[in-house]
Amino acid sequence: MLELLTFPLAILAVAMLPRAAEADHKKIERIMKNIGYGIRGKEGELKIPKYKGKQSIVDGEESIGTTYLYSVPLGLPASKMTKVESEINIFSDGLNKPVEVEYKKFLKVHVFDEELPELFPYAELPSKYDWSVPLGKSLRGIIWHNFDHTPHMTAAGTTRFGKTVFLRMMMTYLIEHHQNNVEFYVIDLKGGLEFSRYGVLQQVKEVASDIYEAAELLQKLQSMFAEDFKYFKQNNYANIVDTKIKRRRYVIVDEAAQLAPEKFHSKEEKILLSYCQGVLSELARVAGALGYRLIYATQYPTADTLPRQIKQNADAKISFRLPSGYASKVAIDDEGAEELPSNIKGRAIFKTHELRELQAPFISHEEMWERLEKYQEPKVLEVKPDDVVEYRTEENETREDLVKFE
């Protein structure tokens, strides 16, 4: 009797076992069939890309996902491939994982194990001592930008979405890793509210907070890179990266839209604003080889607030959330910034030859100051005959009867 029950019980046990999860590459093929991604044969059958294998995606020594490779049928229009690349949410929803799609010899479907973080603390950044700065964490790992390779950058994003925090982060990183060789010239057209407090740092040479101070600062910079140009020419230097000169000068413009002339500006103000934009355009065109790096940031990019000369000479473009597709096209030459999540500050798109979404590192004013306060300009004490004590910065003092305090 027991022998008769053994076979039915075995069948029941197998039936009750959990089904093996469908492999991701099989799900991808099913999605391709469902959306009609392929080419029709003579008898109407759909030929989809053929699975060729997979590769592990690594960040350092850690595996962070898998790339699935597919050969594409001959005759499949490029427009269809582009359409799939632009609709990666179809694969993300089907696999319930973040996905990136690209076509390079093979159709590559990159499937990642984890979503982008909603917060990326500055303290988690590793150190690099070339002129690279971290832009943020993407699905593939940290994205770096080397200013010696691409000297100028534009940054866009509506207020409160992380653009100014991003500028502070880059300043902090560059000072911490190049404290003796980096200089900052900041045009903070929010009235100096964000950056004037850092004017006491040795590396921050000047902070301008309105258009009059901006014009004065840019006049100085124009004279500086004119002198540098003469020096380079005399020494047969073509680019600072090919010399032993270690110094780099960063010009940061925060809220550059304030430099665009408007109807309500006076004639004098319009002249000053046009002059400011002209010098910044000249800096973008010719001063990169001399060691000047322009970071030009604006809340709402338009043809007026982001001059063509600056945009064309700034191959690195980053944008936080923007209100419209038009603004996104101006900022990064593509749509997408208007679709960034509105509930995550610091989420951005970086554009060079491709678009990469990232979470920018976050640093507060308090943490920035804790890290940089040791670089305050040293003070000197001048003792006068009438015993009145006055403190001055060392660089502005020429008298010999000084007592210096470290």
Protein backbone atom coordinates (compact mmCIF):
# COMPACT_ATOMS: atom_id res chain seq x y z
CA MET A 1 0.00 0.00 0.00
CA LEU A 2 2.81 2.37 0.93
CA GLU A 3 4.53 1.62 -2.36
CA LEU A 4 1.42 2.74 -4.26
CA LEU A 5 1.45 6.14 -2.51
CA THR A 6 5.13 6.89 -3.10
CA PHE A 7 4.85 8.01 -6.77
CA PRO A 8 1.82 10.37 -6.32
CA LEU A 9 3.47 11.94 -3.25
CA ALA A 10 6.68 12.53 -5.19
CA ILE A 11 4.73 14.31 -7.94
CA LEU A 12 2.95 16.47 -5.34
CA ALA A 13 6.25 17.39 -3.68
CA VAL A 14 7.77 18.51 -6.99
CA ALA A 15 4.68 20.55 -7.79
CA MET A 16 4.91 22.33 -4.44
CA LEU A 17 8.57 23.34 -4.95
CA PRO A 18 9.03 27.11 -5.69
CA ARG A 19 9.59 27.89 -9.34
CA ALA A 20 13.04 29.05 -10.33
CA ALA A 21 13.12 32.80 -10.99
CA GLU A 22 13.15 33.67 -14.66
CA ALA A 23 16.61 34.86 -15.74
CA ASP A 24 16.91 38.56 -16.51
CA HIS A 25 18.04 37.93 -20.09
CA LYS A 26 14.88 35.91 -20.69
CA LYS A 27 12.76 38.76 -19.31
CA ILE A 28 14.57 41.18 -21.61
CA GLU A 29 13.77 38.98 -24.62
CA ARG A 30 10.13 38.80 -23.57
CA ILE A 31 9.98 42.60 -23.24
CA MET A 32 11.50 42.95 -26.74
CA LYS A 33 8.78 40.69 -28.16
CA ASN A 34 6.03 42.56 -26.33
CA ILE A 35 7.13 45.95 -27.65
CA GLY A 36 7.88 44.64 -31.15
CA TYR A 37 11.58 45.42 -30.97
CA GLY A 38 12.94 43.50 -33.94
CA ILE A 39 12.44 42.93 -37.64
CA ARG A 40 9.74 40.95 -39.43
CA GLY A 41 10.77 37.95 -41.53
CA LYS A 42 9.21 36.95 -44.86
CA GLU A 43 6.48 35.00 -43.14
CA GLY A 44 5.78 37.71 -40.57
CA GLU A 45 7.68 36.23 -37.65
CA LEU A 46 9.43 38.73 -35.38
CA LYS A 47 13.20 38.37 -35.19
CA ILE A 48 14.47 40.00 -32.01
CA PRO A 49 18.12 40.58 -31.00
CA LYS A 50 19.85 37.31 -30.13
CA TYR A 51 21.33 36.78 -26.69
CA LYS A 52 25.13 36.39 -26.86
CA GLY A 53 26.23 36.40 -23.25
CA LYS A 54 26.70 38.55 -20.17
CA GLN A 55 29.42 40.50 -18.35
CA SER A 56 29.69 41.62 -14.77
CA ILE A 57 29.62 45.39 -14.08
CA VAL A 58 32.19 46.27 -11.42
CA ASP A 59 33.02 49.37 -9.42
CA GLY A 60 36.53 48.81 -8.12
CA GLU A 61 36.39 45.26 -6.81
CA GLU A 62 32.64 45.27 -6.15
CA SER A 63 30.11 43.80 -8.57
CA ILE A 64 27.25 46.27 -9.03
CA GLY A 65 25.28 44.69 -11.89
CA THR A 66 25.29 42.72 -15.14
CA THR A 67 25.52 43.66 -18.81
CA TYR A 68 23.56 41.47 -21.24
CA LEU A 69 24.84 41.41 -24.83
CA TYR A 70 22.60 40.93 -27.87
CA SER A 71 23.43 40.81 -31.57
CA VAL A 72 21.06 42.93 -33.63
CA PRO A 73 19.34 41.43 -36.75
CA LEU A 74 20.51 42.88 -40.05
CA GLY A 75 18.14 45.54 -41.32
CA LEU A 76 16.89 46.68 -37.91
CA PRO A 77 16.51 50.48 -38.30
CA ALA A 78 18.73 52.67 -36.15
CA SER A 79 15.63 54.69 -35.24
CA LYS A 80 14.20 51.66 -33.44
CA MET A 81 17.41 51.20 -31.45
CA THR A 82 17.41 54.87 -30.51
CA LYS A 83 13.79 54.61 -29.43
CA VAL A 84 14.56 51.70 -27.10
CA GLU A 85 17.54 53.56 -25.63
CA SER A 86 15.27 56.51 -24.84
CA GLU A 87 12.60 54.31 -23.25
CA ILE A 88 14.70 52.44 -20.72
CA ASN A 89 11.88 52.70 -18.19
CA ILE A 90 10.20 49.84 -20.13
CA PHE A 91 13.06 47.54 -19.13
CA SER A 92 13.41 49.05 -15.64
CA ASP A 93 9.73 48.41 -14.91
CA GLY A 94 9.87 44.87 -16.33
CA LEU A 95 12.98 43.86 -14.42
CA ASN A 96 12.22 45.97 -11.34
CA LYS A 97 15.83 47.16 -11.45
CA PRO A 98 17.66 50.23 -12.80
CA VAL A 99 18.60 49.76 -16.47
CA GLU A 100 20.74 51.56 -19.05
CA VAL A 101 20.65 50.64 -22.75
CA GLU A 102 23.31 51.44 -25.36
CA TYR A 103 24.41 50.19 -28.76
CA LYS A 104 28.15 49.70 -29.40
CA LYS A 105 28.72 46.80 -31.82
CA PHE A 106 26.26 44.85 -29.64
CA LEU A 107 23.01 45.95 -28.04
CA LYS A 108 24.01 46.25 -24.39
CA VAL A 109 21.42 46.15 -21.63
CA HIS A 110 23.07 47.17 -18.34
CA VAL A 111 21.08 45.93 -15.35
CA PHE A 112 22.14 47.32 -11.97
CA ASP A 113 21.58 45.83 -8.54
CA GLU A 114 20.77 49.08 -6.70
CA GLU A 115 19.02 52.37 -7.38
CA LEU A 116 20.79 55.73 -7.18
CA PRO A 117 21.08 56.95 -3.58
CA GLU A 118 18.93 59.92 -2.57
CA LEU A 119 21.80 61.33 -0.49
CA PHE A 120 25.53 61.07 -1.20
CA PRO A 121 27.54 62.57 1.70
CA TYR A 122 30.73 64.47 0.86
CA ALA A 123 32.55 62.51 3.58
CA GLU A 124 32.26 59.33 1.49
CA LEU A 125 34.33 60.73 -1.38
CA PRO A 126 37.73 59.19 -2.11
CA SER A 127 40.74 61.38 -2.80
CA LYS A 128 42.32 62.19 -6.15
CA TYR A 129 45.25 64.55 -6.45
CA ASP A 130 45.15 65.37 -10.14
CA TRP A 131 42.75 68.12 -11.20
CA SER A 132 39.75 65.79 -11.11
CA VAL A 133 36.68 66.62 -9.05
CA PRO A 134 33.81 64.27 -8.16
CA LEU A 135 30.52 65.21 -9.79
CA GLY A 136 28.40 62.56 -8.14
CA LYS A 137 27.47 58.91 -7.93
CA SER A 138 25.90 57.26 -10.97
CA LEU A 139 24.63 53.70 -11.33
CA ARG A 140 28.14 52.76 -12.50
CA GLY A 141 29.95 54.48 -9.62
CA ILE A 142 31.43 57.94 -9.03
CA ILE A 143 31.70 60.22 -12.07
CA TRP A 144 34.83 62.38 -12.12
CA HIS A 145 35.63 65.44 -14.19
CA ASN A 146 39.22 66.45 -14.92
CA PHE A 147 39.47 70.22 -15.50
CA ASP A 148 42.89 69.81 -17.11
CA HIS A 149 41.20 67.79 -19.87
CA THR A 150 38.06 69.95 -20.16
CA PRO A 151 38.71 73.40 -18.63
CA HIS A 152 35.23 74.94 -18.52
CA MET A 153 31.85 73.84 -17.23
CA THR A 154 28.29 75.14 -17.22
CA ALA A 155 25.83 74.30 -14.43
CA ALA A 156 22.08 74.86 -14.51
CA GLY A 157 19.19 74.19 -12.17
CA THR A 158 16.26 75.93 -10.54
CA THR A 159 16.66 77.24 -7.03
CA ARG A 160 16.77 74.79 -4.11
CA PHE A 161 17.72 71.74 -6.20
CA GLY A 162 21.44 71.61 -5.43
CA LYS A 163 23.30 73.79 -7.93
CA THR A 164 24.94 76.10 -5.38
CA VAL A 165 25.71 73.21 -3.01
CA PHE A 166 27.44 71.57 -5.97
CA LEU A 167 29.62 74.67 -6.47
CA ARG A 168 30.52 74.71 -2.76
CA MET A 169 31.38 71.01 -2.92
CA MET A 170 33.78 71.49 -5.83
CA MET A 171 35.44 74.45 -4.09
CA THR A 172 35.90 72.40 -0.92
CA TYR A 173 37.35 69.42 -2.76
CA LEU A 174 39.81 71.49 -4.79
CA ILE A 175 41.03 73.42 -1.74
CA GLU A 176 41.46 70.25 0.33
CA HIS A 177 43.47 68.55 -2.42
CA HIS A 178 45.34 71.54 -3.93
CA GLN A 179 45.53 74.07 -1.10
CA ASN A 180 48.82 75.57 -2.33
CA ASN A 181 48.03 75.70 -6.04
CA VAL A 182 44.39 76.68 -6.48
CA GLU A 183 42.89 80.18 -6.62
CA PHE A 184 39.22 81.17 -6.72
CA TYR A 185 37.62 84.30 -8.13
CA VAL A 186 33.91 84.22 -7.36
CA ILE A 187 31.09 86.30 -8.82
CA ASP A 188 28.20 85.65 -6.44
CA LEU A 189 25.27 87.56 -7.89
CA LYS A 190 22.96 86.57 -5.06
CA GLY A 191 24.38 89.58 -3.25
CA GLY A 192 27.30 87.56 -1.91
CA LEU A 193 25.02 85.56 0.39
CA GLU A 194 26.54 82.19 -0.53
CA PHE A 195 30.25 82.82 -1.03
CA SER A 196 31.24 86.08 0.70
CA ARG A 197 31.81 84.20 3.97
CA TYR A 198 34.60 82.24 2.27
CA GLY A 199 36.44 85.38 1.16
CA VAL A 200 38.72 85.03 4.20
CA LEU A 201 40.25 81.81 2.85
CA GLN A 202 43.74 82.05 1.39
CA GLN A 203 42.63 80.34 -1.81
CA VAL A 204 39.66 82.70 -2.39
CA LYS A 205 41.26 85.77 -3.87
CA GLU A 206 38.14 87.86 -4.42
CA VAL A 207 34.34 87.65 -4.18
CA ALA A 208 32.18 90.08 -6.18
CA SER A 209 28.56 90.46 -5.06
CA ASP A 210 27.03 92.87 -7.64
CA ILE A 211 27.54 93.90 -11.25
CA TYR A 212 29.88 96.79 -10.36
CA GLU A 213 32.17 94.56 -8.32
CA ALA A 214 31.89 91.88 -11.01
CA ALA A 215 33.04 94.31 -13.72
CA GLU A 216 35.97 95.41 -11.54
CA LEU A 217 36.98 91.79 -10.84
CA LEU A 218 36.71 90.79 -14.50
CA GLN A 219 38.82 93.76 -15.52
CA LYS A 220 41.55 92.47 -13.19
CA LEU A 221 41.21 88.97 -14.58
CA GLN A 222 41.40 90.27 -18.13
CA SER A 223 44.68 91.99 -17.31
CA MET A 224 45.94 88.85 -15.58
CA PHE A 225 45.37 86.50 -18.47
CA ALA A 226 46.73 89.08 -20.91
CA GLU A 227 49.99 89.04 -18.91
CA ASP A 228 49.91 85.25 -18.72
CA PHE A 229 49.45 85.10 -22.48
CA LYS A 230 52.60 87.18 -22.99
CA TYR A 231 54.53 84.95 -20.59
CA PHE A 232 53.39 81.78 -22.36
CA LYS A 233 54.28 83.23 -25.74
CA GLN A 234 57.75 84.28 -24.57
CA ASN A 235 58.42 80.78 -23.25
CA ASN A 236 56.85 78.95 -26.20
CA TYR A 237 54.18 77.38 -23.97
CA ALA A 238 51.00 76.23 -25.71
CA ASN A 239 49.11 74.76 -22.76
CA ILE A 240 49.64 74.88 -19.01
CA VAL A 241 49.23 71.11 -18.71
CA ASP A 242 52.48 70.71 -20.67
CA THR A 243 54.44 72.96 -18.32
CA LYS A 244 55.67 72.70 -14.73
CA ILE A 245 53.23 75.42 -13.62
CA LYS A 246 51.03 73.95 -10.88
CA ARG A 247 48.69 76.89 -10.24
CA ARG A 248 45.11 76.82 -11.52
CA ARG A 249 42.64 79.73 -11.32
CA TYR A 250 38.93 78.97 -11.05
CA VAL A 251 36.37 81.62 -11.94
CA ILE A 252 32.95 80.75 -10.50
CA VAL A 253 29.86 82.66 -11.58
CA ASP A 254 26.79 81.87 -9.48
CA GLU A 255 23.48 83.10 -10.87
CA ALA A 256 24.84 84.27 -14.20
CA ALA A 257 21.35 85.30 -15.36
CA GLN A 258 21.95 88.54 -13.46
CA LEU A 259 24.56 89.43 -16.09
CA ALA A 260 21.99 89.48 -18.91
CA PRO A 261 21.00 93.08 -19.82
CA GLU A 262 17.29 93.83 -19.32
CA LYS A 263 15.07 96.74 -20.35
CA PHE A 264 14.96 98.12 -16.81
CA HIS A 265 18.76 98.46 -16.60
CA SER A 266 20.26 101.91 -17.03
CA LYS A 267 22.57 102.63 -19.96
CA GLU A 268 25.60 102.44 -17.66
CA GLU A 269 24.47 99.07 -16.27
CA LYS A 270 23.89 97.65 -19.75
CA ILE A 271 27.43 98.63 -20.73
CA LEU A 272 28.83 96.96 -17.60
CA LEU A 273 26.79 93.80 -18.14
CA SER A 274 27.82 93.52 -21.78
CA TYR A 275 31.42 94.02 -20.71
CA CYS A 276 31.14 91.25 -18.08
CA GLN A 277 29.69 88.78 -20.57
CA GLY A 278 32.34 89.74 -23.10
CA VAL A 279 35.23 89.07 -20.70
CA LEU A 280 33.74 85.76 -19.59
CA SER A 281 33.34 84.74 -23.24
CA GLU A 282 36.94 85.69 -23.90
CA LEU A 283 38.04 83.69 -20.86
CA ALA A 284 36.15 80.65 -22.17
CA ARG A 285 37.70 81.00 -25.63
CA VAL A 286 41.37 81.62 -24.89
CA ALA A 287 42.21 81.38 -21.19
CA GLY A 288 41.74 77.64 -20.65
CA ALA A 289 45.21 76.90 -21.99
CA LEU A 290 46.61 79.47 -19.54
CA GLY A 291 45.23 77.64 -16.50
CA TYR A 292 41.91 79.46 -16.04
CA ARG A 293 38.80 77.35 -15.45
CA LEU A 294 35.33 78.84 -15.79
CA ILE A 295 32.33 77.38 -13.94
CA TYR A 296 29.28 79.28 -15.17
CA ALA A 297 26.04 78.60 -13.29
CA THR A 298 22.52 79.88 -13.87
CA GLN A 299 19.03 79.06 -12.60
CA TYR A 300 17.18 79.33 -15.89
CA PRO A 301 19.31 78.89 -19.01
CA THR A 302 18.25 80.80 -22.13
CA ALA A 303 20.12 82.18 -25.13
CA ASP A 304 20.54 85.45 -23.20
CA THR A 305 21.65 84.03 -19.84
CA LEU A 306 23.95 81.37 -21.34
CA PRO A 307 25.95 83.11 -24.10
CA ARG A 308 26.84 81.00 -27.12
CA GLN A 309 30.60 81.54 -26.82
CA ILE A 310 30.58 80.23 -23.25
CA LYS A 311 28.34 77.28 -24.02
CA GLN A 312 30.34 76.23 -27.08
CA ASN A 313 33.62 76.31 -25.16
CA ALA A 314 32.30 74.49 -22.09
CA ASP A 315 32.17 70.85 -23.15
CA ALA A 316 31.24 69.73 -19.63
CA LYS A 317 27.60 70.48 -18.82
CA ILE A 318 25.66 69.57 -15.70
CA SER A 319 22.04 70.31 -14.96
CA PHE A 320 19.86 69.84 -11.93
CA ARG A 321 16.07 69.92 -12.24
CA LEU A 322 14.75 72.51 -14.70
CA PRO A 323 11.15 73.66 -15.29
CA SER A 324 10.91 72.84 -19.01
CA GLY A 325 12.29 70.80 -21.86
CA TYR A 326 13.36 74.03 -23.59
CA ALA A 327 15.56 75.00 -20.64
CA SER A 328 17.01 71.49 -20.58
CA LYS A 329 17.90 71.69 -24.28
CA VAL A 330 19.67 75.00 -23.71
CA ALA A 331 21.55 73.64 -20.69
CA ILE A 332 22.63 70.19 -21.91
CA ASP A 333 21.55 70.14 -25.57
CA ASP A 334 18.96 67.52 -24.74
CA GLU A 335 15.75 67.04 -22.85
CA GLY A 336 15.68 65.22 -19.54
CA ALA A 337 16.50 67.75 -16.82
CA GLU A 338 12.80 68.66 -16.60
CA GLU A 339 12.04 65.02 -15.73
CA LEU A 340 14.44 64.73 -12.80
CA PRO A 341 12.60 63.90 -9.56
CA SER A 342 11.23 66.96 -7.77
CA ASN A 343 11.55 65.34 -4.34
CA ILE A 344 15.28 64.57 -4.49
CA LYS A 345 17.72 67.46 -4.15
CA GLY A 346 21.10 66.98 -5.76
CA ARG A 347 19.86 64.75 -8.60
CA ALA A 348 21.42 65.88 -11.89
CA ILE A 349 22.34 64.97 -15.46
CA PHE A 350 25.93 65.30 -16.65
CA LYS A 351 26.57 65.73 -20.36
CA THR A 352 29.80 65.30 -22.29
CA HIS A 353 29.49 62.87 -25.22
CA GLU A 354 26.68 61.06 -23.39
CA LEU A 355 24.04 61.72 -20.74
CA ARG A 356 24.63 60.30 -17.26
CA GLU A 357 22.24 60.71 -14.32
CA LEU A 358 23.90 61.12 -10.93
CA GLN A 359 23.42 62.10 -7.31
CA ALA A 360 25.74 65.00 -6.48
CA PRO A 361 27.72 64.95 -3.21
CA PHE A 362 26.14 66.95 -0.40
CA ILE A 363 28.07 69.22 1.94
CA SER A 364 26.55 71.71 4.37
CA HIS A 365 27.93 75.17 5.12
CA GLU A 366 28.90 73.91 8.58
CA GLU A 367 30.88 70.94 7.28
CA MET A 368 32.52 73.05 4.59
CA TRP A 369 33.70 75.58 7.16
CA GLU A 370 34.93 72.87 9.54
CA ARG A 371 37.08 71.52 6.73
CA LEU A 372 38.34 74.86 5.40
CA GLU A 373 38.62 77.21 8.40
CA LYS A 374 42.29 76.25 8.85
CA TYR A 375 42.98 77.98 5.51
CA GLN A 376 41.91 81.41 6.73
CA GLU A 377 44.15 84.28 5.66
CA PRO A 378 46.72 84.78 8.45
CA LYS A 379 46.36 88.03 10.40
CA VAL A 380 49.04 90.49 11.46
CA LEU A 381 49.03 92.89 14.39
CA GLU A 382 50.26 96.46 14.02
CA VAL A 383 51.11 98.27 17.28
CA LYS A 384 50.70 102.04 16.96
CA PRO A 385 52.32 104.72 19.15
CA ASP A 386 49.01 105.59 20.82
CA ASP A 387 48.50 101.91 21.78
CA VAL A 388 45.56 101.51 19.41
CA VAL A 389 45.60 97.98 18.07
CA GLU A 390 44.43 97.25 14.52
CA TYR A 391 44.26 93.89 12.73
CA ARG A 392 45.01 93.69 9.04
CA THR A 393 45.52 90.93 6.50
CA GLU A 394 49.16 90.14 5.91
CA GLU A 395 49.03 90.63 2.14
CA ASN A 396 47.89 94.26 2.49
CA GLU A 397 50.56 95.28 5.02
CA THR A 398 54.00 96.63 4.09
CA ARG A 399 55.30 98.03 7.42
CA GLU A 400 58.24 96.38 9.15
CA ASP A 401 57.17 96.78 12.81
CA LEU A 402 54.75 93.83 12.73
CA VAL A 403 54.10 91.08 15.23
CA LYS A 404 52.80 88.01 13.43
CA PHE A 405 50.46 85.52 15.05
CA GLU A 406 50.13 82.02 13.61
